[in-house]
Amino acid sequence: HFIVLFIFPMIVASEFFAPRVAYGY
C-alpha cells in the first residue's frame, strides 16, 4: 500500500511548476 508515496512528489511539482509540467510528472 506504500505505493501511494508517488502522490507526494506530485504535490510538490504542482505547487512550483506550471500545470503542463506537473502533468508531465
mmCIF file of all heavy atoms, coordinates in Angstrom:
data_MODEL
# 
_entry.id   MODEL 
# 
loop_
_atom_site.group_PDB 
_atom_site.id 
_atom_site.type_symbol 
_atom_site.label_atom_id 
_atom_site.label_alt_id 
_atom_site.label_comp_id 
_atom_site.label_asym_id 
_atom_site.label_entity_id 
_atom_site.label_seq_id 
_atom_site.pdbx_PDB_ins_code 
_atom_site.Cartn_x 
_atom_site.Cartn_y 
_atom_site.Cartn_z 
_atom_site.occupancy 
_atom_site.B_iso_or_equiv 
_atom_site.pdbx_formal_charge 
_atom_site.auth_seq_id 
_atom_site.auth_comp_id 
_atom_site.auth_asym_id 
_atom_site.auth_atom_id 
_atom_site.pdbx_PDB_model_num 
ATOM 1   N N   . HIS A 1 1  ? 0.811  -1.219 0.000   1.00 0.00 ? 1  HIS A N   1 
ATOM 2   C CA  . HIS A 1 1  ? 0.000  0.000  0.000   1.00 0.00 ? 1  HIS A CA  1 
ATOM 3   C C   . HIS A 1 1  ? 0.844  1.269  0.000   1.00 0.00 ? 1  HIS A C   1 
ATOM 4   O O   . HIS A 1 1  ? 0.332  2.363  -0.268  1.00 0.00 ? 1  HIS A O   1 
ATOM 5   C CB  . HIS A 1 1  ? -0.934 0.009  1.214   1.00 0.00 ? 1  HIS A CB  1 
ATOM 6   C CG  . HIS A 1 1  ? -1.979 -1.060 1.159   1.00 0.00 ? 1  HIS A CG  1 
ATOM 7   N ND1 . HIS A 1 1  ? -1.795 -2.311 1.678   1.00 0.00 ? 1  HIS A ND1 1 
ATOM 8   C CD2 . HIS A 1 1  ? -3.221 -1.071 0.601   1.00 0.00 ? 1  HIS A CD2 1 
ATOM 9   C CE1 . HIS A 1 1  ? -2.878 -3.054 1.488   1.00 0.00 ? 1  HIS A CE1 1 
ATOM 10  N NE2 . HIS A 1 1  ? -3.763 -2.320 0.829   1.00 0.00 ? 1  HIS A NE2 1 
ATOM 11  N N   . PHE A 1 2  ? 2.142  1.154  0.314   1.00 0.00 ? 2  PHE A N   1 
ATOM 12  C CA  . PHE A 1 2  ? 3.008  2.333  0.308   1.00 0.00 ? 2  PHE A CA  1 
ATOM 13  C C   . PHE A 1 2  ? 3.283  2.830  -1.103  1.00 0.00 ? 2  PHE A C   1 
ATOM 14  O O   . PHE A 1 2  ? 4.035  3.798  -1.277  1.00 0.00 ? 2  PHE A O   1 
ATOM 15  C CB  . PHE A 1 2  ? 4.320  2.040  1.031   1.00 0.00 ? 2  PHE A CB  1 
ATOM 16  C CG  . PHE A 1 2  ? 4.199  2.129  2.521   1.00 0.00 ? 2  PHE A CG  1 
ATOM 17  C CD1 . PHE A 1 2  ? 4.110  0.992  3.296   1.00 0.00 ? 2  PHE A CD1 1 
ATOM 18  C CD2 . PHE A 1 2  ? 4.151  3.363  3.149   1.00 0.00 ? 2  PHE A CD2 1 
ATOM 19  C CE1 . PHE A 1 2  ? 3.989  1.068  4.668   1.00 0.00 ? 2  PHE A CE1 1 
ATOM 20  C CE2 . PHE A 1 2  ? 4.031  3.460  4.522   1.00 0.00 ? 2  PHE A CE2 1 
ATOM 21  C CZ  . PHE A 1 2  ? 3.948  2.305  5.298   1.00 0.00 ? 2  PHE A CZ  1 
ATOM 22  N N   . ILE A 1 3  ? 2.659  2.220  -2.085  1.00 0.00 ? 3  ILE A N   1 
ATOM 23  C CA  . ILE A 1 3  ? 2.759  2.730  -3.449  1.00 0.00 ? 3  ILE A CA  1 
ATOM 24  C C   . ILE A 1 3  ? 2.152  4.130  -3.556  1.00 0.00 ? 3  ILE A C   1 
ATOM 25  O O   . ILE A 1 3  ? 2.424  4.876  -4.498  1.00 0.00 ? 3  ILE A O   1 
ATOM 26  C CB  . ILE A 1 3  ? 2.078  1.752  -4.439  1.00 0.00 ? 3  ILE A CB  1 
ATOM 27  C CG1 . ILE A 1 3  ? 2.544  2.017  -5.875  1.00 0.00 ? 3  ILE A CG1 1 
ATOM 28  C CG2 . ILE A 1 3  ? 0.558  1.824  -4.321  1.00 0.00 ? 3  ILE A CG2 1 
ATOM 29  C CD1 . ILE A 1 3  ? 2.111  0.943  -6.858  1.00 0.00 ? 3  ILE A CD1 1 
ATOM 30  N N   . VAL A 1 4  ? 1.329  4.502  -2.547  1.00 0.00 ? 4  VAL A N   1 
ATOM 31  C CA  . VAL A 1 4  ? 0.733  5.852  -2.531  1.00 0.00 ? 4  VAL A CA  1 
ATOM 32  C C   . VAL A 1 4  ? 1.802  6.928  -2.351  1.00 0.00 ? 4  VAL A C   1 
ATOM 33  O O   . VAL A 1 4  ? 1.502  8.128  -2.507  1.00 0.00 ? 4  VAL A O   1 
ATOM 34  C CB  . VAL A 1 4  ? -0.322 5.980  -1.409  1.00 0.00 ? 4  VAL A CB  1 
ATOM 35  C CG1 . VAL A 1 4  ? -1.471 5.015  -1.641  1.00 0.00 ? 4  VAL A CG1 1 
ATOM 36  C CG2 . VAL A 1 4  ? 0.298  5.752  -0.039  1.00 0.00 ? 4  VAL A CG2 1 
ATOM 37  N N   . LEU A 1 5  ? 3.044  6.560  -2.016  1.00 0.00 ? 5  LEU A N   1 
ATOM 38  C CA  . LEU A 1 5  ? 4.110  7.561  -1.870  1.00 0.00 ? 5  LEU A CA  1 
ATOM 39  C C   . LEU A 1 5  ? 4.345  8.342  -3.158  1.00 0.00 ? 5  LEU A C   1 
ATOM 40  O O   . LEU A 1 5  ? 4.928  9.436  -3.122  1.00 0.00 ? 5  LEU A O   1 
ATOM 41  C CB  . LEU A 1 5  ? 5.415  6.879  -1.442  1.00 0.00 ? 5  LEU A CB  1 
ATOM 42  C CG  . LEU A 1 5  ? 5.442  6.286  -0.018  1.00 0.00 ? 5  LEU A CG  1 
ATOM 43  C CD1 . LEU A 1 5  ? 6.743  5.514  0.202   1.00 0.00 ? 5  LEU A CD1 1 
ATOM 44  C CD2 . LEU A 1 5  ? 5.296  7.385  1.019   1.00 0.00 ? 5  LEU A CD2 1 
ATOM 45  N N   . PHE A 1 6  ? 3.887  7.795  -4.288  1.00 0.00 ? 6  PHE A N   1 
ATOM 46  C CA  . PHE A 1 6  ? 4.032  8.515  -5.555  1.00 0.00 ? 6  PHE A CA  1 
ATOM 47  C C   . PHE A 1 6  ? 3.261  9.841  -5.544  1.00 0.00 ? 6  PHE A C   1 
ATOM 48  O O   . PHE A 1 6  ? 3.546  10.739 -6.354  1.00 0.00 ? 6  PHE A O   1 
ATOM 49  C CB  . PHE A 1 6  ? 3.525  7.649  -6.716  1.00 0.00 ? 6  PHE A CB  1 
ATOM 50  C CG  . PHE A 1 6  ? 4.528  6.661  -7.219  1.00 0.00 ? 6  PHE A CG  1 
ATOM 51  C CD1 . PHE A 1 6  ? 4.455  5.324  -6.862  1.00 0.00 ? 6  PHE A CD1 1 
ATOM 52  C CD2 . PHE A 1 6  ? 5.561  7.063  -8.052  1.00 0.00 ? 6  PHE A CD2 1 
ATOM 53  C CE1 . PHE A 1 6  ? 5.376  4.409  -7.340  1.00 0.00 ? 6  PHE A CE1 1 
ATOM 54  C CE2 . PHE A 1 6  ? 6.492  6.148  -8.535  1.00 0.00 ? 6  PHE A CE2 1 
ATOM 55  C CZ  . PHE A 1 6  ? 6.402  4.820  -8.174  1.00 0.00 ? 6  PHE A CZ  1 
ATOM 56  N N   . ILE A 1 7  ? 2.309  9.980  -4.664  1.00 0.00 ? 7  ILE A N   1 
ATOM 57  C CA  . ILE A 1 7  ? 1.476  11.190 -4.652  1.00 0.00 ? 7  ILE A CA  1 
ATOM 58  C C   . ILE A 1 7  ? 2.262  12.405 -4.166  1.00 0.00 ? 7  ILE A C   1 
ATOM 59  O O   . ILE A 1 7  ? 2.048  13.528 -4.642  1.00 0.00 ? 7  ILE A O   1 
ATOM 60  C CB  . ILE A 1 7  ? 0.228  10.955 -3.772  1.00 0.00 ? 7  ILE A CB  1 
ATOM 61  C CG1 . ILE A 1 7  ? -0.725 9.994  -4.484  1.00 0.00 ? 7  ILE A CG1 1 
ATOM 62  C CG2 . ILE A 1 7  ? -0.480 12.265 -3.452  1.00 0.00 ? 7  ILE A CG2 1 
ATOM 63  C CD1 . ILE A 1 7  ? -1.953 9.643  -3.684  1.00 0.00 ? 7  ILE A CD1 1 
ATOM 64  N N   . PHE A 1 8  ? 3.198  12.218 -3.239  1.00 0.00 ? 8  PHE A N   1 
ATOM 65  C CA  . PHE A 1 8  ? 3.877  13.367 -2.624  1.00 0.00 ? 8  PHE A CA  1 
ATOM 66  C C   . PHE A 1 8  ? 4.723  14.177 -3.609  1.00 0.00 ? 8  PHE A C   1 
ATOM 67  O O   . PHE A 1 8  ? 4.663  15.416 -3.602  1.00 0.00 ? 8  PHE A O   1 
ATOM 68  C CB  . PHE A 1 8  ? 4.708  12.894 -1.433  1.00 0.00 ? 8  PHE A CB  1 
ATOM 69  C CG  . PHE A 1 8  ? 3.867  12.386 -0.297  1.00 0.00 ? 8  PHE A CG  1 
ATOM 70  C CD1 . PHE A 1 8  ? 3.708  11.038 -0.072  1.00 0.00 ? 8  PHE A CD1 1 
ATOM 71  C CD2 . PHE A 1 8  ? 3.198  13.273 0.536   1.00 0.00 ? 8  PHE A CD2 1 
ATOM 72  C CE1 . PHE A 1 8  ? 2.920  10.566 0.952   1.00 0.00 ? 8  PHE A CE1 1 
ATOM 73  C CE2 . PHE A 1 8  ? 2.404  12.821 1.572   1.00 0.00 ? 8  PHE A CE2 1 
ATOM 74  C CZ  . PHE A 1 8  ? 2.255  11.457 1.788   1.00 0.00 ? 8  PHE A CZ  1 
ATOM 75  N N   . PRO A 1 9  ? 5.518  13.549 -4.488  1.00 0.00 ? 9  PRO A N   1 
ATOM 76  C CA  . PRO A 1 9  ? 6.221  14.371 -5.497  1.00 0.00 ? 9  PRO A CA  1 
ATOM 77  C C   . PRO A 1 9  ? 5.272  15.119 -6.418  1.00 0.00 ? 9  PRO A C   1 
ATOM 78  O O   . PRO A 1 9  ? 5.612  16.193 -6.939  1.00 0.00 ? 9  PRO A O   1 
ATOM 79  C CB  . PRO A 1 9  ? 7.056  13.338 -6.278  1.00 0.00 ? 9  PRO A CB  1 
ATOM 80  C CG  . PRO A 1 9  ? 7.237  12.199 -5.324  1.00 0.00 ? 9  PRO A CG  1 
ATOM 81  C CD  . PRO A 1 9  ? 5.968  12.147 -4.544  1.00 0.00 ? 9  PRO A CD  1 
ATOM 82  N N   . MET A 1 10 ? 4.047  14.572 -6.618  1.00 0.00 ? 10 MET A N   1 
ATOM 83  C CA  . MET A 1 10 ? 3.074  15.262 -7.460  1.00 0.00 ? 10 MET A CA  1 
ATOM 84  C C   . MET A 1 10 ? 2.625  16.583 -6.825  1.00 0.00 ? 10 MET A C   1 
ATOM 85  O O   . MET A 1 10 ? 2.430  17.595 -7.509  1.00 0.00 ? 10 MET A O   1 
ATOM 86  C CB  . MET A 1 10 ? 1.849  14.364 -7.692  1.00 0.00 ? 10 MET A CB  1 
ATOM 87  C CG  . MET A 1 10 ? 2.122  13.045 -8.405  1.00 0.00 ? 10 MET A CG  1 
ATOM 88  S SD  . MET A 1 10 ? 2.873  13.276 -10.026 1.00 0.00 ? 10 MET A SD  1 
ATOM 89  C CE  . MET A 1 10 ? 4.611  13.060 -9.632  1.00 0.00 ? 10 MET A CE  1 
ATOM 90  N N   . ILE A 1 11 ? 2.456  16.564 -5.507  1.00 0.00 ? 11 ILE A N   1 
ATOM 91  C CA  . ILE A 1 11 ? 2.050  17.788 -4.805  1.00 0.00 ? 11 ILE A CA  1 
ATOM 92  C C   . ILE A 1 11 ? 3.125  18.859 -4.947  1.00 0.00 ? 11 ILE A C   1 
ATOM 93  O O   . ILE A 1 11 ? 2.832  20.030 -5.217  1.00 0.00 ? 11 ILE A O   1 
ATOM 94  C CB  . ILE A 1 11 ? 1.773  17.476 -3.319  1.00 0.00 ? 11 ILE A CB  1 
ATOM 95  C CG1 . ILE A 1 11 ? 0.607  16.489 -3.189  1.00 0.00 ? 11 ILE A CG1 1 
ATOM 96  C CG2 . ILE A 1 11 ? 1.478  18.760 -2.547  1.00 0.00 ? 11 ILE A CG2 1 
ATOM 97  C CD1 . ILE A 1 11 ? 0.365  16.008 -1.782  1.00 0.00 ? 11 ILE A CD1 1 
ATOM 98  N N   . VAL A 1 12 ? 4.378  18.451 -4.761  1.00 0.00 ? 12 VAL A N   1 
ATOM 99  C CA  . VAL A 1 12 ? 5.486  19.404 -4.884  1.00 0.00 ? 12 VAL A CA  1 
ATOM 100 C C   . VAL A 1 12 ? 5.564  19.973 -6.301  1.00 0.00 ? 12 VAL A C   1 
ATOM 101 O O   . VAL A 1 12 ? 5.702  21.187 -6.498  1.00 0.00 ? 12 VAL A O   1 
ATOM 102 C CB  . VAL A 1 12 ? 6.814  18.716 -4.501  1.00 0.00 ? 12 VAL A CB  1 
ATOM 103 C CG1 . VAL A 1 12 ? 7.992  19.658 -4.764  1.00 0.00 ? 12 VAL A CG1 1 
ATOM 104 C CG2 . VAL A 1 12 ? 6.799  18.293 -3.045  1.00 0.00 ? 12 VAL A CG2 1 
ATOM 105 N N   . ALA A 1 13 ? 5.465  19.108 -7.300  1.00 0.00 ? 13 ALA A N   1 
ATOM 106 C CA  . ALA A 1 13 ? 5.538  19.565 -8.693  1.00 0.00 ? 13 ALA A CA  1 
ATOM 107 C C   . ALA A 1 13 ? 4.390  20.513 -9.021  1.00 0.00 ? 13 ALA A C   1 
ATOM 108 O O   . ALA A 1 13 ? 4.575  21.506 -9.741  1.00 0.00 ? 13 ALA A O   1 
ATOM 109 C CB  . ALA A 1 13 ? 5.519  18.366 -9.634  1.00 0.00 ? 13 ALA A CB  1 
ATOM 110 N N   . SER A 1 14 ? 3.202  20.229 -8.513  1.00 0.00 ? 14 SER A N   1 
ATOM 111 C CA  . SER A 1 14 ? 2.035  21.077 -8.796  1.00 0.00 ? 14 SER A CA  1 
ATOM 112 C C   . SER A 1 14 ? 2.159  22.443 -8.153  1.00 0.00 ? 14 SER A C   1 
ATOM 113 O O   . SER A 1 14 ? 1.643  23.437 -8.671  1.00 0.00 ? 14 SER A O   1 
ATOM 114 C CB  . SER A 1 14 ? 0.764  20.384 -8.292  1.00 0.00 ? 14 SER A CB  1 
ATOM 115 O OG  . SER A 1 14 ? 0.595  19.134 -8.905  1.00 0.00 ? 14 SER A OG  1 
ATOM 116 N N   . GLU A 1 15 ? 2.843  22.484 -7.016  1.00 0.00 ? 15 GLU A N   1 
ATOM 117 C CA  . GLU A 1 15 ? 2.948  23.750 -6.292  1.00 0.00 ? 15 GLU A CA  1 
ATOM 118 C C   . GLU A 1 15 ? 3.903  24.724 -6.971  1.00 0.00 ? 15 GLU A C   1 
ATOM 119 O O   . GLU A 1 15 ? 3.659  25.930 -6.973  1.00 0.00 ? 15 GLU A O   1 
ATOM 120 C CB  . GLU A 1 15 ? 3.408  23.490 -4.853  1.00 0.00 ? 15 GLU A CB  1 
ATOM 121 C CG  . GLU A 1 15 ? 3.490  24.744 -4.001  1.00 0.00 ? 15 GLU A CG  1 
ATOM 122 C CD  . GLU A 1 15 ? 3.908  24.460 -2.576  1.00 0.00 ? 15 GLU A CD  1 
ATOM 123 O OE1 . GLU A 1 15 ? 4.152  23.268 -2.255  1.00 0.00 ? 15 GLU A OE1 1 
ATOM 124 O OE2 . GLU A 1 15 ? 4.013  25.416 -1.797  1.00 0.00 ? 15 GLU A OE2 1 
ATOM 125 N N   . PHE A 1 16 ? 4.963  24.214 -7.558  1.00 0.00 ? 16 PHE A N   1 
ATOM 126 C CA  . PHE A 1 16 ? 6.017  25.104 -8.034  1.00 0.00 ? 16 PHE A CA  1 
ATOM 127 C C   . PHE A 1 16 ? 6.164  25.199 -9.544  1.00 0.00 ? 16 PHE A C   1 
ATOM 128 O O   . PHE A 1 16 ? 6.939  26.016 -10.030 1.00 0.00 ? 16 PHE A O   1 
ATOM 129 C CB  . PHE A 1 16 ? 7.358  24.685 -7.427  1.00 0.00 ? 16 PHE A CB  1 
ATOM 130 C CG  . PHE A 1 16 ? 7.401  24.862 -5.937  1.00 0.00 ? 16 PHE A CG  1 
ATOM 131 C CD1 . PHE A 1 16 ? 7.392  23.768 -5.096  1.00 0.00 ? 16 PHE A CD1 1 
ATOM 132 C CD2 . PHE A 1 16 ? 7.426  26.124 -5.374  1.00 0.00 ? 16 PHE A CD2 1 
ATOM 133 C CE1 . PHE A 1 16 ? 7.421  23.928 -3.721  1.00 0.00 ? 16 PHE A CE1 1 
ATOM 134 C CE2 . PHE A 1 16 ? 7.448  26.293 -4.010  1.00 0.00 ? 16 PHE A CE2 1 
ATOM 135 C CZ  . PHE A 1 16 ? 7.441  25.192 -3.176  1.00 0.00 ? 16 PHE A CZ  1 
ATOM 136 N N   . PHE A 1 17 ? 5.446  24.375 -10.283 1.00 0.00 ? 17 PHE A N   1 
ATOM 137 C CA  . PHE A 1 17 ? 5.589  24.409 -11.732 1.00 0.00 ? 17 PHE A CA  1 
ATOM 138 C C   . PHE A 1 17 ? 4.232  24.587 -12.398 1.00 0.00 ? 17 PHE A C   1 
ATOM 139 O O   . PHE A 1 17 ? 3.180  24.360 -11.786 1.00 0.00 ? 17 PHE A O   1 
ATOM 140 C CB  . PHE A 1 17 ? 6.264  23.133 -12.236 1.00 0.00 ? 17 PHE A CB  1 
ATOM 141 C CG  . PHE A 1 17 ? 7.664  22.945 -11.736 1.00 0.00 ? 17 PHE A CG  1 
ATOM 142 C CD1 . PHE A 1 17 ? 7.962  21.946 -10.827 1.00 0.00 ? 17 PHE A CD1 1 
ATOM 143 C CD2 . PHE A 1 17 ? 8.686  23.781 -12.146 1.00 0.00 ? 17 PHE A CD2 1 
ATOM 144 C CE1 . PHE A 1 17 ? 9.249  21.776 -10.345 1.00 0.00 ? 17 PHE A CE1 1 
ATOM 145 C CE2 . PHE A 1 17 ? 9.975  23.624 -11.672 1.00 0.00 ? 17 PHE A CE2 1 
ATOM 146 C CZ  . PHE A 1 17 ? 10.254 22.619 -10.773 1.00 0.00 ? 17 PHE A CZ  1 
ATOM 147 N N   . ALA A 1 18 ? 4.282  24.984 -13.672 1.00 0.00 ? 18 ALA A N   1 
ATOM 148 C CA  . ALA A 1 18 ? 3.058  25.173 -14.446 1.00 0.00 ? 18 ALA A CA  1 
ATOM 149 C C   . ALA A 1 18 ? 2.324  23.831 -14.562 1.00 0.00 ? 18 ALA A C   1 
ATOM 150 O O   . ALA A 1 18 ? 2.934  22.761 -14.477 1.00 0.00 ? 18 ALA A O   1 
ATOM 151 C CB  . ALA A 1 18 ? 3.403  25.706 -15.837 1.00 0.00 ? 18 ALA A CB  1 
ATOM 152 N N   . PRO A 1 19 ? 0.990  23.879 -14.767 1.00 0.00 ? 19 PRO A N   1 
ATOM 153 C CA  . PRO A 1 19 ? 0.215  22.632 -14.834 1.00 0.00 ? 19 PRO A CA  1 
ATOM 154 C C   . PRO A 1 19 ? 0.743  21.639 -15.864 1.00 0.00 ? 19 PRO A C   1 
ATOM 155 O O   . PRO A 1 19 ? 0.776  20.431 -15.601 1.00 0.00 ? 19 PRO A O   1 
ATOM 156 C CB  . PRO A 1 19 ? -1.191 23.123 -15.194 1.00 0.00 ? 19 PRO A CB  1 
ATOM 157 C CG  . PRO A 1 19 ? -1.265 24.504 -14.621 1.00 0.00 ? 19 PRO A CG  1 
ATOM 158 C CD  . PRO A 1 19 ? 0.120  25.064 -14.785 1.00 0.00 ? 19 PRO A CD  1 
ATOM 159 N N   . ARG A 1 20 ? 1.170  22.127 -17.036 1.00 0.00 ? 20 ARG A N   1 
ATOM 160 C CA  . ARG A 1 20 ? 1.648  21.183 -18.058 1.00 0.00 ? 20 ARG A CA  1 
ATOM 161 C C   . ARG A 1 20 ? 2.883  20.437 -17.567 1.00 0.00 ? 20 ARG A C   1 
ATOM 162 O O   . ARG A 1 20 ? 3.070  19.252 -17.869 1.00 0.00 ? 20 ARG A O   1 
ATOM 163 C CB  . ARG A 1 20 ? 1.951  21.930 -19.360 1.00 0.00 ? 20 ARG A CB  1 
ATOM 164 C CG  . ARG A 1 20 ? 2.994  23.007 -19.260 1.00 0.00 ? 20 ARG A CG  1 
ATOM 165 C CD  . ARG A 1 20 ? 3.202  23.734 -20.587 1.00 0.00 ? 20 ARG A CD  1 
ATOM 166 N NE  . ARG A 1 20 ? 4.200  24.786 -20.478 1.00 0.00 ? 20 ARG A NE  1 
ATOM 167 C CZ  . ARG A 1 20 ? 5.508  24.583 -20.524 1.00 0.00 ? 20 ARG A CZ  1 
ATOM 168 N NH1 . ARG A 1 20 ? 5.967  23.345 -20.681 1.00 0.00 ? 20 ARG A NH1 1 
ATOM 169 N NH2 . ARG A 1 20 ? 6.363  25.584 -20.418 1.00 0.00 ? 20 ARG A NH2 1 
ATOM 170 N N   . VAL A 1 21 ? 3.754  21.103 -16.798 1.00 0.00 ? 21 VAL A N   1 
ATOM 171 C CA  . VAL A 1 21 ? 4.931  20.434 -16.239 1.00 0.00 ? 21 VAL A CA  1 
ATOM 172 C C   . VAL A 1 21 ? 4.509  19.431 -15.175 1.00 0.00 ? 21 VAL A C   1 
ATOM 173 O O   . VAL A 1 21 ? 5.017  18.305 -15.127 1.00 0.00 ? 21 VAL A O   1 
ATOM 174 C CB  . VAL A 1 21 ? 5.912  21.466 -15.650 1.00 0.00 ? 21 VAL A CB  1 
ATOM 175 C CG1 . VAL A 1 21 ? 7.120  20.770 -15.022 1.00 0.00 ? 21 VAL A CG1 1 
ATOM 176 C CG2 . VAL A 1 21 ? 6.372  22.445 -16.723 1.00 0.00 ? 21 VAL A CG2 1 
ATOM 177 N N   . ALA A 1 22 ? 3.562  19.837 -14.332 1.00 0.00 ? 22 ALA A N   1 
ATOM 178 C CA  . ALA A 1 22 ? 3.087  18.935 -13.276 1.00 0.00 ? 22 ALA A CA  1 
ATOM 179 C C   . ALA A 1 22 ? 2.424  17.695 -13.879 1.00 0.00 ? 22 ALA A C   1 
ATOM 180 O O   . ALA A 1 22 ? 2.634  16.571 -13.395 1.00 0.00 ? 22 ALA A O   1 
ATOM 181 C CB  . ALA A 1 22 ? 2.114  19.670 -12.363 1.00 0.00 ? 22 ALA A CB  1 
ATOM 182 N N   . TYR A 1 23 ? 1.627  17.883 -14.948 1.00 0.00 ? 23 TYR A N   1 
ATOM 183 C CA  . TYR A 1 23 ? 1.016  16.722 -15.608 1.00 0.00 ? 23 TYR A CA  1 
ATOM 184 C C   . TYR A 1 23 ? 2.086  15.847 -16.269 1.00 0.00 ? 23 TYR A C   1 
ATOM 185 O O   . TYR A 1 23 ? 1.913  14.625 -16.382 1.00 0.00 ? 23 TYR A O   1 
ATOM 186 C CB  . TYR A 1 23 ? -0.015 17.178 -16.639 1.00 0.00 ? 23 TYR A CB  1 
ATOM 187 C CG  . TYR A 1 23 ? -1.338 17.561 -16.019 1.00 0.00 ? 23 TYR A CG  1 
ATOM 188 C CD1 . TYR A 1 23 ? -1.800 18.875 -16.063 1.00 0.00 ? 23 TYR A CD1 1 
ATOM 189 C CD2 . TYR A 1 23 ? -2.135 16.604 -15.396 1.00 0.00 ? 23 TYR A CD2 1 
ATOM 190 C CE1 . TYR A 1 23 ? -3.003 19.235 -15.487 1.00 0.00 ? 23 TYR A CE1 1 
ATOM 191 C CE2 . TYR A 1 23 ? -3.353 16.958 -14.821 1.00 0.00 ? 23 TYR A CE2 1 
ATOM 192 C CZ  . TYR A 1 23 ? -3.781 18.276 -14.862 1.00 0.00 ? 23 TYR A CZ  1 
ATOM 193 O OH  . TYR A 1 23 ? -4.979 18.625 -14.291 1.00 0.00 ? 23 TYR A OH  1 
ATOM 194 N N   . GLY A 1 24 ? 3.168  16.438 -16.704 1.00 0.00 ? 24 GLY A N   1 
ATOM 195 C CA  . GLY A 1 24 ? 4.269  15.655 -17.230 1.00 0.00 ? 24 GLY A CA  1 
ATOM 196 C C   . GLY A 1 24 ? 4.859  14.743 -16.164 1.00 0.00 ? 24 GLY A C   1 
ATOM 197 O O   . GLY A 1 24 ? 5.160  13.560 -16.421 1.00 0.00 ? 24 GLY A O   1 
ATOM 198 N N   . TYR A 1 25 ? 4.987  15.289 -14.955 1.00 0.00 ? 25 TYR A N   1 
ATOM 199 C CA  . TYR A 1 25 ? 5.475  14.454 -13.852 1.00 0.00 ? 25 TYR A CA  1 
ATOM 200 C C   . TYR A 1 25 ? 4.449  13.389 -13.468 1.00 0.00 ? 25 TYR A C   1 
ATOM 201 O O   . TYR A 1 25 ? 4.822  12.272 -13.066 1.00 0.00 ? 25 TYR A O   1 
ATOM 202 C CB  . TYR A 1 25 ? 5.823  15.326 -12.646 1.00 0.00 ? 25 TYR A CB  1 
ATOM 203 C CG  . TYR A 1 25 ? 7.178  15.975 -12.766 1.00 0.00 ? 25 TYR A CG  1 
ATOM 204 C CD1 . TYR A 1 25 ? 7.323  17.352 -12.750 1.00 0.00 ? 25 TYR A CD1 1 
ATOM 205 C CD2 . TYR A 1 25 ? 8.321  15.203 -12.908 1.00 0.00 ? 25 TYR A CD2 1 
ATOM 206 C CE1 . TYR A 1 25 ? 8.561  17.948 -12.864 1.00 0.00 ? 25 TYR A CE1 1 
ATOM 207 C CE2 . TYR A 1 25 ? 9.570  15.784 -13.027 1.00 0.00 ? 25 TYR A CE2 1 
ATOM 208 C CZ  . TYR A 1 25 ? 9.685  17.156 -13.005 1.00 0.00 ? 25 TYR A CZ  1 
ATOM 209 O OH  . TYR A 1 25 ? 10.926 17.733 -13.139 1.00 0.00 ? 25 TYR A OH  1 
# 
